[in-house]
C-alpha cells in the first residue's frame, strides 16, 4: 500500500485549499497562517492538524525538507483590482517567501493560487521572474486560469493556479478536466437552507435563482460590515433574488416578503465548503474568511491530478508551460 502524500501549506486562511487537498488524499504536516482568527478556525475544524500561527517570513522550511507538496494561497491584494495592483512593490507580496520555501523544502510538487489579475500584462515581467526562479530550482512549471463553476462550485470565481513538478518526478501534469455543466444554480444549492425556518416562498425563490452566483468577496478588516460586494456584484445578486446589501443572521421567517439575504452558512455552501465546516461566532469575520477562501472542490480536483502525477509517473518528462504564455 502506498504511503500517504504529505503537504506543507502556507497562508492557509480558513482552510479551503487545505480541506480540498485533504479530500484529495494529502496529509498536512504543517499549516502556516498569520491571522489568529483563521488559526482558531483551522484548529476547531481539524484538531489533528499542525497549525502554526505565525508570519510566513519566520517559517523555517528546512525541517520539512522532502515533503510531497508545498501549497499556498499567497495573498492576492498585490494583484487584485481592489488591492490597487501594486504587484511586487506591495509589502503583502509573499511570492519571494514561497520561492524561499521551495528551495528549503524541495517538495516533489508545488501548488500556488492567486487572483485573475496575476495574469495581467502589467505583471508579465514579474510573473516571468517568478516562473524562472521556480524553474531554476528544478521544477517544470504550469499555469492556468480555473473557473470554480467548472468543478461543481455554484459561482464563477476565476483563480490562477500555478503548479510546479520537480523534474526528477518526471514533470508531467494535466489540469483537471473542466465540466461546465457541473455547477448547480444558486437556487438548487441554497433552497433547503432558505427554507430552514419554514419560509413558504423558498421553492418559488429557488426557481428564480436559476444561475450560478457572481464571485463572493471577502473584503478586508478596513471595510465596514459584511455584504456581497460592490454595486455591480449587488446588482448581479439582485437578479438572482438576493439582497446583497448585508448578511442575514438566519434564514427567512415563514411569511417573509421581498428579497432574502444570504447567511454566512449559505455563503460557505456557495463557496463549496461542507455544512460541517464552522467559522466561529463573529459574522463579519466569518464572511471575510469565506469570501477570501479557495473553493475546496477546486483544490480537491487539482490535488487529485497532482497526486496522480506523483503516484503513477508520466510520459512527458520535464514539460514546461512557457512563462510568457497566459493559459486561459
C-alpha atoms as a PDB file:
ATOM      1  CA  UNK A   1       0.000   0.000   0.000  1.00  0.00           C
ATOM      2  CA  UNK A   2       1.310   3.438  -0.930  1.00  0.00           C
ATOM      3  CA  UNK A   3       2.147   5.845   1.875  1.00  0.00           C
ATOM      4  CA  UNK A   4       0.008   8.980   2.275  1.00  0.00           C
ATOM      5  CA  UNK A   5       1.322  12.016   0.449  1.00  0.00           C
ATOM      6  CA  UNK A   6       2.403  14.832   2.771  1.00  0.00           C
ATOM      7  CA  UNK A   7       1.807  18.562   2.457  1.00  0.00           C
ATOM      8  CA  UNK A   8       3.018  21.830   3.950  1.00  0.00           C
ATOM      9  CA  UNK A   9       0.652  24.736   3.357  1.00  0.00           C
ATOM     10  CA  UNK A  10       1.396  28.428   3.788  1.00  0.00           C
ATOM     11  CA  UNK A  11      -1.170  31.244   4.023  1.00  0.00           C
ATOM     12  CA  UNK A  12      -3.721  28.587   4.891  1.00  0.00           C
ATOM     13  CA  UNK A  13      -6.575  31.004   5.603  1.00  0.00           C
ATOM     14  CA  UNK A  14      -9.778  29.382   6.812  1.00  0.00           C
ATOM     15  CA  UNK A  15      -8.905  26.041   5.262  1.00  0.00           C
ATOM     16  CA  UNK A  16     -10.500  25.965   1.810  1.00  0.00           C
ATOM     17  CA  UNK A  17      -7.409  24.766  -0.009  1.00  0.00           C
ATOM     18  CA  UNK A  18      -6.322  22.552   2.883  1.00  0.00           C
ATOM     19  CA  UNK A  19      -9.700  20.849   3.061  1.00  0.00           C
ATOM     20  CA  UNK A  20      -9.700  20.207  -0.675  1.00  0.00           C
ATOM     21  CA  UNK A  21      -6.175  18.786  -0.616  1.00  0.00           C
ATOM     22  CA  UNK A  22      -7.102  16.578   2.337  1.00  0.00           C
ATOM     23  CA  UNK A  23     -10.073  15.261   0.359  1.00  0.00           C
ATOM     24  CA  UNK A  24      -7.647  14.550  -2.484  1.00  0.00           C
ATOM     25  CA  UNK A  25      -5.571  12.375  -0.159  1.00  0.00           C
ATOM     26  CA  UNK A  26      -2.851  14.682   1.166  1.00  0.00           C
ATOM     27  CA  UNK A  27      -1.878  14.677   4.842  1.00  0.00           C
ATOM     28  CA  UNK A  28      -0.851  18.074   6.185  1.00  0.00           C
ATOM     29  CA  UNK A  29       2.256  18.057   8.352  1.00  0.00           C
ATOM     30  CA  UNK A  30       2.128  21.843   8.841  1.00  0.00           C
ATOM     31  CA  UNK A  31      -0.222  24.718   8.052  1.00  0.00           C
ATOM     32  CA  UNK A  32       1.116  28.251   8.435  1.00  0.00           C
ATOM     33  CA  UNK A  33      -1.329  31.121   8.972  1.00  0.00           C
ATOM     34  CA  UNK A  34      -0.751  34.611  10.330  1.00  0.00           C
ATOM     35  CA  UNK A  35      -4.272  35.635  11.418  1.00  0.00           C
ATOM     36  CA  UNK A  36      -5.224  34.246  14.868  1.00  0.00           C
ATOM     37  CA  UNK A  37      -8.933  34.054  13.967  1.00  0.00           C
ATOM     38  CA  UNK A  38      -8.141  31.911  10.953  1.00  0.00           C
ATOM     39  CA  UNK A  39      -5.857  29.693  13.034  1.00  0.00           C
ATOM     40  CA  UNK A  40      -8.666  29.163  15.534  1.00  0.00           C
ATOM     41  CA  UNK A  41     -10.989  28.059  12.723  1.00  0.00           C
ATOM     42  CA  UNK A  42      -8.424  25.584  11.396  1.00  0.00           C
ATOM     43  CA  UNK A  43      -7.842  24.096  14.856  1.00  0.00           C
ATOM     44  CA  UNK A  44     -11.560  23.977  15.621  1.00  0.00           C
ATOM     45  CA  UNK A  45     -12.401  22.071  12.442  1.00  0.00           C
ATOM     46  CA  UNK A  46      -9.339  19.835  12.323  1.00  0.00           C
ATOM     47  CA  UNK A  47      -7.778  19.471  15.802  1.00  0.00           C
ATOM     48  CA  UNK A  48      -5.305  16.942  14.418  1.00  0.00           C
ATOM     49  CA  UNK A  49      -3.721  19.463  12.035  1.00  0.00           C
ATOM     50  CA  UNK A  50      -0.397  21.035  12.992  1.00  0.00           C
ATOM     51  CA  UNK A  51      -1.432  24.695  12.717  1.00  0.00           C
ATOM     52  CA  UNK A  52       1.407  27.192  13.148  1.00  0.00           C
ATOM     53  CA  UNK A  53       0.060  30.666  13.855  1.00  0.00           C
ATOM     54  CA  UNK A  54       2.991  32.731  12.650  1.00  0.00           C
ATOM     55  CA  UNK A  55       4.276  35.003   9.910  1.00  0.00           C
ATOM     56  CA  UNK A  56       5.426  33.053   6.865  1.00  0.00           C
ATOM     57  CA  UNK A  57       8.582  35.193   6.870  1.00  0.00           C
ATOM     58  CA  UNK A  58       9.513  33.472  10.143  1.00  0.00           C
ATOM     59  CA  UNK A  59       8.661  29.945   8.992  1.00  0.00           C
ATOM     60  CA  UNK A  60      11.681  27.671   8.579  1.00  0.00           C
ATOM     61  CA  UNK A  61      11.012  25.128   5.867  1.00  0.00           C
ATOM     62  CA  UNK A  62      14.161  23.056   6.351  1.00  0.00           C
ATOM     63  CA  UNK A  63      12.675  20.672   8.968  1.00  0.00           C
ATOM     64  CA  UNK A  64      10.045  19.733   6.368  1.00  0.00           C
ATOM     65  CA  UNK A  65      12.502  19.033   3.581  1.00  0.00           C
ATOM     66  CA  UNK A  66      11.267  16.376   1.204  1.00  0.00           C
ATOM     67  CA  UNK A  67       7.501  16.601   1.762  1.00  0.00           C
ATOM     68  CA  UNK A  68       5.435  15.778  -1.284  1.00  0.00           C
ATOM     69  CA  UNK A  69       3.640  19.103  -1.754  1.00  0.00           C
ATOM     70  CA  UNK A  70       4.129  22.742  -0.817  1.00  0.00           C
ATOM     71  CA  UNK A  71       0.840  24.577  -1.289  1.00  0.00           C
ATOM     72  CA  UNK A  72      -0.485  28.016  -0.540  1.00  0.00           C
ATOM     73  CA  UNK A  73      -2.818  30.817  -1.476  1.00  0.00           C
ATOM     74  CA  UNK A  74      -0.309  33.644  -1.415  1.00  0.00           C
ATOM     75  CA  UNK A  75      -2.072  36.945  -0.624  1.00  0.00           C
ATOM     76  CA  UNK A  76      -3.914  38.359  -3.610  1.00  0.00           C
ATOM     77  CA  UNK A  77      -4.051  42.141  -2.840  1.00  0.00           C
ATOM     78  CA  UNK A  78      -0.810  42.834  -4.755  1.00  0.00           C
ATOM     79  CA  UNK A  79      -2.507  41.642  -7.961  1.00  0.00           C
ATOM     80  CA  UNK A  80      -6.191  42.380  -7.367  1.00  0.00           C
ATOM     81  CA  UNK A  81      -8.027  45.413  -8.674  1.00  0.00           C
ATOM     82  CA  UNK A  82      -9.390  46.056  -5.196  1.00  0.00           C
ATOM     83  CA  UNK A  83      -5.849  45.926  -3.837  1.00  0.00           C
ATOM     84  CA  UNK A  84      -4.576  48.640  -6.243  1.00  0.00           C
ATOM     85  CA  UNK A  85      -2.415  46.111  -8.138  1.00  0.00           C
ATOM     86  CA  UNK A  86       0.946  47.109  -6.702  1.00  0.00           C
ATOM     87  CA  UNK A  87       2.409  43.702  -7.565  1.00  0.00           C
ATOM     88  CA  UNK A  88       5.970  43.109  -6.411  1.00  0.00           C
ATOM     89  CA  UNK A  89       6.018  46.573  -4.826  1.00  0.00           C
ATOM     90  CA  UNK A  90       3.309  45.550  -2.373  1.00  0.00           C
ATOM     91  CA  UNK A  91       4.627  44.504   1.044  1.00  0.00           C
ATOM     92  CA  UNK A  92       1.933  41.823   1.106  1.00  0.00           C
ATOM     93  CA  UNK A  93       3.506  40.031  -1.869  1.00  0.00           C
ATOM     94  CA  UNK A  94       4.682  36.688  -0.484  1.00  0.00           C
ATOM     95  CA  UNK A  95       5.880  35.063  -3.695  1.00  0.00           C
ATOM     96  CA  UNK A  96       9.528  35.635  -2.646  1.00  0.00           C
ATOM     97  CA  UNK A  97       8.817  33.710   0.561  1.00  0.00           C
ATOM     98  CA  UNK A  98       7.162  30.912  -1.408  1.00  0.00           C
ATOM     99  CA  UNK A  99      10.258  30.627  -3.592  1.00  0.00           C
ATOM    100  CA  UNK A 100      12.483  30.593  -0.498  1.00  0.00           C
ATOM    101  CA  UNK A 101      10.438  27.743   0.938  1.00  0.00           C
ATOM    102  CA  UNK A 102      10.551  25.789  -2.313  1.00  0.00           C
ATOM    103  CA  UNK A 103      14.339  25.942  -2.076  1.00  0.00           C
ATOM    104  CA  UNK A 104      14.375  24.977   1.615  1.00  0.00           C
ATOM    105  CA  UNK A 105      11.765  22.215   1.465  1.00  0.00           C
ATOM    106  CA  UNK A 106      12.431  20.814  -2.029  1.00  0.00           C
ATOM    107  CA  UNK A 107       8.896  19.381  -2.291  1.00  0.00           C
ATOM    108  CA  UNK A 108       8.058  16.990  -5.089  1.00  0.00           C
ATOM    109  CA  UNK A 109       5.314  19.370  -6.199  1.00  0.00           C
ATOM    110  CA  UNK A 110       4.196  22.966  -5.676  1.00  0.00           C
ATOM    111  CA  UNK A 111       0.683  24.438  -5.879  1.00  0.00           C
ATOM    112  CA  UNK A 112       0.154  28.194  -5.568  1.00  0.00           C
ATOM    113  CA  UNK A 113      -3.073  30.067  -6.268  1.00  0.00           C
ATOM    114  CA  UNK A 114      -3.807  33.723  -6.863  1.00  0.00           C
ATOM    115  CA  UNK A 115      -6.375  36.050  -8.405  1.00  0.00           C
ATOM    116  CA  UNK A 116      -7.028  36.516 -12.116  1.00  0.00           C
ATOM    117  CA  UNK A 117      -5.175  39.837 -12.020  1.00  0.00           C
ATOM    118  CA  UNK A 118      -1.916  37.906 -11.663  1.00  0.00           C
ATOM    119  CA  UNK A 119      -2.170  37.255 -15.424  1.00  0.00           C
ATOM    120  CA  UNK A 120      -2.469  40.939 -16.353  1.00  0.00           C
ATOM    121  CA  UNK A 121       0.050  42.267 -18.847  1.00  0.00           C
ATOM    122  CA  UNK A 122       1.330  44.723 -16.236  1.00  0.00           C
ATOM    123  CA  UNK A 123       2.786  41.779 -14.332  1.00  0.00           C
ATOM    124  CA  UNK A 124       4.352  39.905 -17.276  1.00  0.00           C
ATOM    125  CA  UNK A 125       7.902  40.717 -16.207  1.00  0.00           C
ATOM    126  CA  UNK A 126       7.330  39.819 -12.565  1.00  0.00           C
ATOM    127  CA  UNK A 127       5.388  36.673 -13.432  1.00  0.00           C
ATOM    128  CA  UNK A 128       8.194  35.541 -15.724  1.00  0.00           C
ATOM    129  CA  UNK A 129      10.676  36.238 -12.926  1.00  0.00           C
ATOM    130  CA  UNK A 130       8.696  34.025 -10.554  1.00  0.00           C
ATOM    131  CA  UNK A 131       8.475  31.215 -13.082  1.00  0.00           C
ATOM    132  CA  UNK A 132      12.152  31.439 -13.947  1.00  0.00           C
ATOM    133  CA  UNK A 133      13.025  31.301 -10.246  1.00  0.00           C
ATOM    134  CA  UNK A 134      10.924  28.167  -9.758  1.00  0.00           C
ATOM    135  CA  UNK A 135      12.325  26.557 -12.905  1.00  0.00           C
ATOM    136  CA  UNK A 136      15.884  27.326 -11.815  1.00  0.00           C
ATOM    137  CA  UNK A 137      15.173  25.316  -8.662  1.00  0.00           C
ATOM    138  CA  UNK A 138      14.489  22.299 -10.870  1.00  0.00           C
ATOM    139  CA  UNK A 139      10.737  22.376 -11.448  1.00  0.00           C
ATOM    140  CA  UNK A 140       8.573  22.088 -14.533  1.00  0.00           C
ATOM    141  CA  UNK A 141       6.004  24.873 -14.310  1.00  0.00           C
ATOM    142  CA  UNK A 142       2.387  25.134 -15.393  1.00  0.00           C
ATOM    143  CA  UNK A 143      -0.177  27.924 -15.116  1.00  0.00           C
ATOM    144  CA  UNK A 144      -3.881  28.095 -15.854  1.00  0.00           C
ATOM    145  CA  UNK A 145      -6.921  30.195 -15.019  1.00  0.00           C
ATOM    146  CA  UNK A 146      -9.552  27.921 -13.492  1.00  0.00           C
ATOM    147  CA  UNK A 147     -13.208  28.811 -13.005  1.00  0.00           C
ATOM    148  CA  UNK A 148     -14.703  27.267  -9.889  1.00  0.00           C
ATOM    149  CA  UNK A 149     -18.001  26.648 -11.680  1.00  0.00           C
ATOM    150  CA  UNK A 150     -16.226  24.109 -13.905  1.00  0.00           C
ATOM    151  CA  UNK A 151     -15.621  21.977 -10.815  1.00  0.00           C
ATOM    152  CA  UNK A 152     -19.059  21.919  -9.235  1.00  0.00           C
ATOM    153  CA  UNK A 153     -18.954  25.228  -7.342  1.00  0.00           C
ATOM    154  CA  UNK A 154     -22.043  27.438  -7.673  1.00  0.00           C
ATOM    155  CA  UNK A 155     -20.117  30.577  -8.637  1.00  0.00           C
ATOM    156  CA  UNK A 156     -17.729  31.637 -11.370  1.00  0.00           C
ATOM    157  CA  UNK A 157     -14.748  32.541  -9.147  1.00  0.00           C
ATOM    158  CA  UNK A 158     -11.753  32.583 -11.527  1.00  0.00           C
ATOM    159  CA  UNK A 159      -8.444  31.740  -9.876  1.00  0.00           C
ATOM    160  CA  UNK A 160      -4.936  31.342 -11.271  1.00  0.00           C
ATOM    161  CA  UNK A 161      -3.389  28.037 -10.232  1.00  0.00           C
ATOM    162  CA  UNK A 162       0.364  27.587 -10.612  1.00  0.00           C
ATOM    163  CA  UNK A 163       1.813  24.087 -10.481  1.00  0.00           C
ATOM    164  CA  UNK A 164       5.440  23.071 -10.206  1.00  0.00           C
ATOM    165  CA  UNK A 165       6.554  19.454 -10.533  1.00  0.00           C
ATOM    166  CA  UNK A 166      10.116  18.640  -9.543  1.00  0.00           C
ATOM    167  CA  UNK A 167      11.850  17.386 -12.655  1.00  0.00           C
ATOM    168  CA  UNK A 168      13.162  14.215 -11.066  1.00  0.00           C
ATOM    169  CA  UNK A 169       9.495  13.292 -10.655  1.00  0.00           C
ATOM    170  CA  UNK A 170       9.260  13.432 -14.463  1.00  0.00           C
ATOM    171  CA  UNK A 171       7.163  16.573 -14.583  1.00  0.00           C
ATOM    172  CA  UNK A 172       4.008  15.609 -16.487  1.00  0.00           C
ATOM    173  CA  UNK A 173       0.949  17.290 -15.088  1.00  0.00           C
ATOM    174  CA  UNK A 174      -2.502  17.870 -16.522  1.00  0.00           C
ATOM    175  CA  UNK A 175      -5.059  20.196 -15.009  1.00  0.00           C
ATOM    176  CA  UNK A 176      -8.369  18.562 -14.112  1.00  0.00           C
ATOM    177  CA  UNK A 177     -10.961  18.315 -16.844  1.00  0.00           C
ATOM    178  CA  UNK A 178     -13.388  21.218 -17.000  1.00  0.00           C
ATOM    179  CA  UNK A 179     -17.049  20.317 -16.606  1.00  0.00           C
ATOM    180  CA  UNK A 180     -19.085  23.471 -17.340  1.00  0.00           C
ATOM    181  CA  UNK A 181     -22.383  21.772 -16.522  1.00  0.00           C
ATOM    182  CA  UNK A 182     -21.211  20.512 -13.121  1.00  0.00           C
ATOM    183  CA  UNK A 183     -22.306  23.523 -11.076  1.00  0.00           C
ATOM    184  CA  UNK A 184     -25.805  23.796  -9.646  1.00  0.00           C
ATOM    185  CA  UNK A 185     -27.686  27.079  -9.682  1.00  0.00           C
ATOM    186  CA  UNK A 186     -27.874  29.267  -6.592  1.00  0.00           C
ATOM    187  CA  UNK A 187     -31.476  28.174  -6.112  1.00  0.00           C
ATOM    188  CA  UNK A 188     -30.637  24.479  -6.269  1.00  0.00           C
ATOM    189  CA  UNK A 189     -27.703  24.990  -3.924  1.00  0.00           C
ATOM    190  CA  UNK A 190     -29.490  27.026  -1.263  1.00  0.00           C
ATOM    191  CA  UNK A 191     -33.178  26.068  -1.386  1.00  0.00           C
ATOM    192  CA  UNK A 192     -33.093  23.856   1.721  1.00  0.00           C
ATOM    193  CA  UNK A 193     -31.170  26.480   3.706  1.00  0.00           C
ATOM    194  CA  UNK A 194     -33.566  29.228   2.632  1.00  0.00           C
ATOM    195  CA  UNK A 195     -36.433  27.016   3.818  1.00  0.00           C
ATOM    196  CA  UNK A 196     -34.710  26.291   7.124  1.00  0.00           C
ATOM    197  CA  UNK A 197     -37.106  28.477   9.140  1.00  0.00           C
ATOM    198  CA  UNK A 198     -40.175  27.461   7.165  1.00  0.00           C
ATOM    199  CA  UNK A 199     -40.135  30.211   4.516  1.00  0.00           C
ATOM    200  CA  UNK A 200     -43.182  29.475   2.368  1.00  0.00           C
ATOM    201  CA  UNK A 201     -41.720  31.011  -0.777  1.00  0.00           C
ATOM    202  CA  UNK A 202     -38.374  29.203  -0.700  1.00  0.00           C
ATOM    203  CA  UNK A 203     -39.130  26.993  -3.706  1.00  0.00           C
ATOM    204  CA  UNK A 204     -40.518  29.928  -5.658  1.00  0.00           C
ATOM    205  CA  UNK A 205     -37.375  31.895  -4.875  1.00  0.00           C
ATOM    206  CA  UNK A 206     -35.151  28.966  -5.865  1.00  0.00           C
ATOM    207  CA  UNK A 207     -36.863  28.671  -9.244  1.00  0.00           C
ATOM    208  CA  UNK A 208     -35.917  32.274  -9.990  1.00  0.00           C
ATOM    209  CA  UNK A 209     -32.346  31.932  -8.714  1.00  0.00           C
ATOM    210  CA  UNK A 210     -31.551  29.772 -11.715  1.00  0.00           C
ATOM    211  CA  UNK A 211     -27.953  30.788 -12.424  1.00  0.00           C
ATOM    212  CA  UNK A 212     -24.620  30.438 -10.676  1.00  0.00           C
ATOM    213  CA  UNK A 213     -23.529  33.204  -8.333  1.00  0.00           C
ATOM    214  CA  UNK A 214     -21.160  36.061  -9.023  1.00  0.00           C
ATOM    215  CA  UNK A 215     -17.823  35.762  -7.276  1.00  0.00           C
ATOM    216  CA  UNK A 216     -18.094  36.052  -3.496  1.00  0.00           C
ATOM    217  CA  UNK A 217     -15.811  38.665  -1.997  1.00  0.00           C
ATOM    218  CA  UNK A 218     -14.174  38.651   1.389  1.00  0.00           C
ATOM    219  CA  UNK A 219     -13.028  42.217   1.761  1.00  0.00           C
ATOM    220  CA  UNK A 220     -10.642  43.305   4.489  1.00  0.00           C
ATOM    221  CA  UNK A 221     -10.687  44.463   8.074  1.00  0.00           C
ATOM    222  CA  UNK A 222     -10.527  48.072   6.883  1.00  0.00           C
ATOM    223  CA  UNK A 223     -14.005  47.982   5.369  1.00  0.00           C
ATOM    224  CA  UNK A 224     -17.352  48.070   7.162  1.00  0.00           C
ATOM    225  CA  UNK A 225     -19.843  45.313   7.899  1.00  0.00           C
ATOM    226  CA  UNK A 226     -20.307  42.279   5.685  1.00  0.00           C
ATOM    227  CA  UNK A 227     -22.161  42.456   2.385  1.00  0.00           C
ATOM    228  CA  UNK A 228     -21.903  40.856  -1.051  1.00  0.00           C
ATOM    229  CA  UNK A 229     -19.524  43.307  -2.633  1.00  0.00           C
ATOM    230  CA  UNK A 230     -19.544  46.442  -4.797  1.00  0.00           C
ATOM    231  CA  UNK A 231     -22.558  47.817  -6.644  1.00  0.00           C
ATOM    232  CA  UNK A 232     -22.084  45.661  -9.742  1.00  0.00           C
ATOM    233  CA  UNK A 233     -21.983  42.499  -7.630  1.00  0.00           C
ATOM    234  CA  UNK A 234     -25.054  43.561  -5.661  1.00  0.00           C
ATOM    235  CA  UNK A 235     -26.891  44.102  -8.962  1.00  0.00           C
ATOM    236  CA  UNK A 236     -25.967  40.589 -10.091  1.00  0.00           C
ATOM    237  CA  UNK A 237     -27.199  39.174  -6.791  1.00  0.00           C
ATOM    238  CA  UNK A 238     -30.458  41.110  -7.124  1.00  0.00           C
ATOM    239  CA  UNK A 239     -31.028  39.400 -10.472  1.00  0.00           C
ATOM    240  CA  UNK A 240     -30.909  36.135  -8.516  1.00  0.00           C
ATOM    241  CA  UNK A 241     -33.416  37.434  -5.992  1.00  0.00           C
ATOM    242  CA  UNK A 242     -30.841  38.089  -3.260  1.00  0.00           C
ATOM    243  CA  UNK A 243     -30.418  41.316  -1.312  1.00  0.00           C
ATOM    244  CA  UNK A 244     -26.668  41.853  -1.316  1.00  0.00           C
ATOM    245  CA  UNK A 245     -26.630  44.887   0.978  1.00  0.00           C
ATOM    246  CA  UNK A 246     -25.950  42.813   4.067  1.00  0.00           C
ATOM    247  CA  UNK A 247     -25.708  39.321   5.538  1.00  0.00           C
ATOM    248  CA  UNK A 248     -28.574  37.738   7.488  1.00  0.00           C
ATOM    249  CA  UNK A 249     -28.242  36.036  10.844  1.00  0.00           C
ATOM    250  CA  UNK A 250     -30.720  33.330   9.885  1.00  0.00           C
ATOM    251  CA  UNK A 251     -32.966  32.098   7.083  1.00  0.00           C
ATOM    252  CA  UNK A 252     -36.197  33.982   6.254  1.00  0.00           C
ATOM    253  CA  UNK A 253     -39.229  33.586   8.517  1.00  0.00           C
ATOM    254  CA  UNK A 254     -42.294  31.682   7.195  1.00  0.00           C
ATOM    255  CA  UNK A 255     -44.146  34.784   5.950  1.00  0.00           C
ATOM    256  CA  UNK A 256     -41.114  36.761   4.753  1.00  0.00           C
ATOM    257  CA  UNK A 257     -41.730  39.012   1.747  1.00  0.00           C
ATOM    258  CA  UNK A 258     -39.108  40.512  -0.533  1.00  0.00           C
ATOM    259  CA  UNK A 259     -35.542  39.543  -1.398  1.00  0.00           C
ATOM    260  CA  UNK A 260     -33.776  37.440   1.236  1.00  0.00           C
ATOM    261  CA  UNK A 261     -30.200  37.962   2.314  1.00  0.00           C
ATOM    262  CA  UNK A 262     -27.649  35.187   2.483  1.00  0.00           C
ATOM    263  CA  UNK A 263     -26.388  33.862   5.800  1.00  0.00           C
ATOM    264  CA  UNK A 264     -22.725  33.062   6.311  1.00  0.00           C
ATOM    265  CA  UNK A 265     -23.623  29.359   6.083  1.00  0.00           C
ATOM    266  CA  UNK A 266     -25.198  29.969   2.684  1.00  0.00           C
ATOM    267  CA  UNK A 267     -22.075  31.813   1.567  1.00  0.00           C
ATOM    268  CA  UNK A 268     -19.933  28.894   2.715  1.00  0.00           C
ATOM    269  CA  UNK A 269     -22.019  26.407   0.761  1.00  0.00           C
ATOM    270  CA  UNK A 270     -21.768  28.534  -2.388  1.00  0.00           C
ATOM    271  CA  UNK A 271     -18.007  28.544  -1.836  1.00  0.00           C
ATOM    272  CA  UNK A 272     -18.008  24.744  -1.737  1.00  0.00           C
ATOM    273  CA  UNK A 273     -17.478  24.200   1.991  1.00  0.00           C
ATOM    274  CA  UNK A 274     -19.353  21.342   3.669  1.00  0.00           C
ATOM    275  CA  UNK A 275     -22.033  22.414   6.128  1.00  0.00           C
ATOM    276  CA  UNK A 276     -19.983  20.884   8.947  1.00  0.00           C
ATOM    277  CA  UNK A 277     -17.148  23.411   8.473  1.00  0.00           C
ATOM    278  CA  UNK A 278     -17.559  26.205  11.021  1.00  0.00           C
ATOM    279  CA  UNK A 279     -16.161  29.738  11.013  1.00  0.00           C
ATOM    280  CA  UNK A 280     -16.618  30.935  14.580  1.00  0.00           C
ATOM    281  CA  UNK A 281     -19.327  33.153  16.015  1.00  0.00           C
ATOM    282  CA  UNK A 282     -18.404  36.563  14.563  1.00  0.00           C
ATOM    283  CA  UNK A 283     -20.424  37.167  11.400  1.00  0.00           C
ATOM    284  CA  UNK A 284     -18.179  39.811   9.862  1.00  0.00           C
ATOM    285  CA  UNK A 285     -15.048  37.722  10.398  1.00  0.00           C
ATOM    286  CA  UNK A 286     -16.773  34.584   9.107  1.00  0.00           C
ATOM    287  CA  UNK A 287     -17.889  36.312   5.915  1.00  0.00           C
ATOM    288  CA  UNK A 288     -14.388  37.641   5.333  1.00  0.00           C
ATOM    289  CA  UNK A 289     -12.902  34.162   5.794  1.00  0.00           C
ATOM    290  CA  UNK A 290     -15.423  32.565   3.459  1.00  0.00           C
ATOM    291  CA  UNK A 291     -15.136  35.222   0.769  1.00  0.00           C
ATOM    292  CA  UNK A 292     -11.333  35.041   0.739  1.00  0.00           C
ATOM    293  CA  UNK A 293     -11.197  31.242   0.589  1.00  0.00           C
ATOM    294  CA  UNK A 294     -10.126  28.964  -2.238  1.00  0.00           C
ATOM    295  CA  UNK A 295     -13.090  26.661  -3.008  1.00  0.00           C
ATOM    296  CA  UNK A 296     -12.405  23.176  -1.598  1.00  0.00           C
ATOM    297  CA  UNK A 297     -13.788  21.338  -4.682  1.00  0.00           C
ATOM    298  CA  UNK A 298     -11.298  23.131  -6.938  1.00  0.00           C
ATOM    299  CA  UNK A 299      -8.407  22.345  -4.597  1.00  0.00           C
ATOM    300  CA  UNK A 300      -9.557  18.736  -4.452  1.00  0.00           C
ATOM    301  CA  UNK A 301      -9.710  18.422  -8.243  1.00  0.00           C
ATOM    302  CA  UNK A 302      -6.233  19.914  -8.704  1.00  0.00           C
ATOM    303  CA  UNK A 303      -4.870  17.919  -5.763  1.00  0.00           C
ATOM    304  CA  UNK A 304      -6.038  14.655  -7.296  1.00  0.00           C
ATOM    305  CA  UNK A 305      -4.173  15.445 -10.521  1.00  0.00           C
ATOM    306  CA  UNK A 306      -1.008  16.257  -8.559  1.00  0.00           C
ATOM    307  CA  UNK A 307      -1.418  13.026  -6.615  1.00  0.00           C
ATOM    308  CA  UNK A 308      -1.898  11.114  -9.852  1.00  0.00           C
ATOM    309  CA  UNK A 309       1.254  12.670 -11.284  1.00  0.00           C
ATOM    310  CA  UNK A 310       3.337  11.801  -8.213  1.00  0.00           C
ATOM    311  CA  UNK A 311       1.996   8.289  -7.691  1.00  0.00           C
ATOM    312  CA  UNK A 312       1.710   6.947 -11.194  1.00  0.00           C
ATOM    313  CA  UNK A 313       4.556   8.556 -13.099  1.00  0.00           C
ATOM    314  CA  UNK A 314       4.272  10.026 -16.554  1.00  0.00           C
ATOM    315  CA  UNK A 315       5.325  10.003 -20.186  1.00  0.00           C
ATOM    316  CA  UNK A 316       6.012  13.652 -20.985  1.00  0.00           C
ATOM    317  CA  UNK A 317       9.151  14.180 -18.918  1.00  0.00           C
ATOM    318  CA  UNK A 318      10.047  17.721 -17.964  1.00  0.00           C
ATOM    319  CA  UNK A 319       7.379  19.536 -19.970  1.00  0.00           C
ATOM    320  CA  UNK A 320       7.002  23.204 -19.205  1.00  0.00           C
ATOM    321  CA  UNK A 321       4.441  25.884 -19.907  1.00  0.00           C
ATOM    322  CA  UNK A 322       6.303  28.874 -21.390  1.00  0.00           C
ATOM    323  CA  UNK A 323       6.345  31.635 -18.823  1.00  0.00           C
ATOM    324  CA  UNK A 324       5.081  34.162 -21.369  1.00  0.00           C
ATOM    325  CA  UNK A 325       2.019  32.048 -22.176  1.00  0.00           C
ATOM    326  CA  UNK A 326      -1.135  33.107 -20.386  1.00  0.00           C
ATOM    327  CA  UNK A 327      -3.275  29.992 -20.282  1.00  0.00           C
ATOM    328  CA  UNK A 328      -6.950  30.864 -20.026  1.00  0.00           C
END
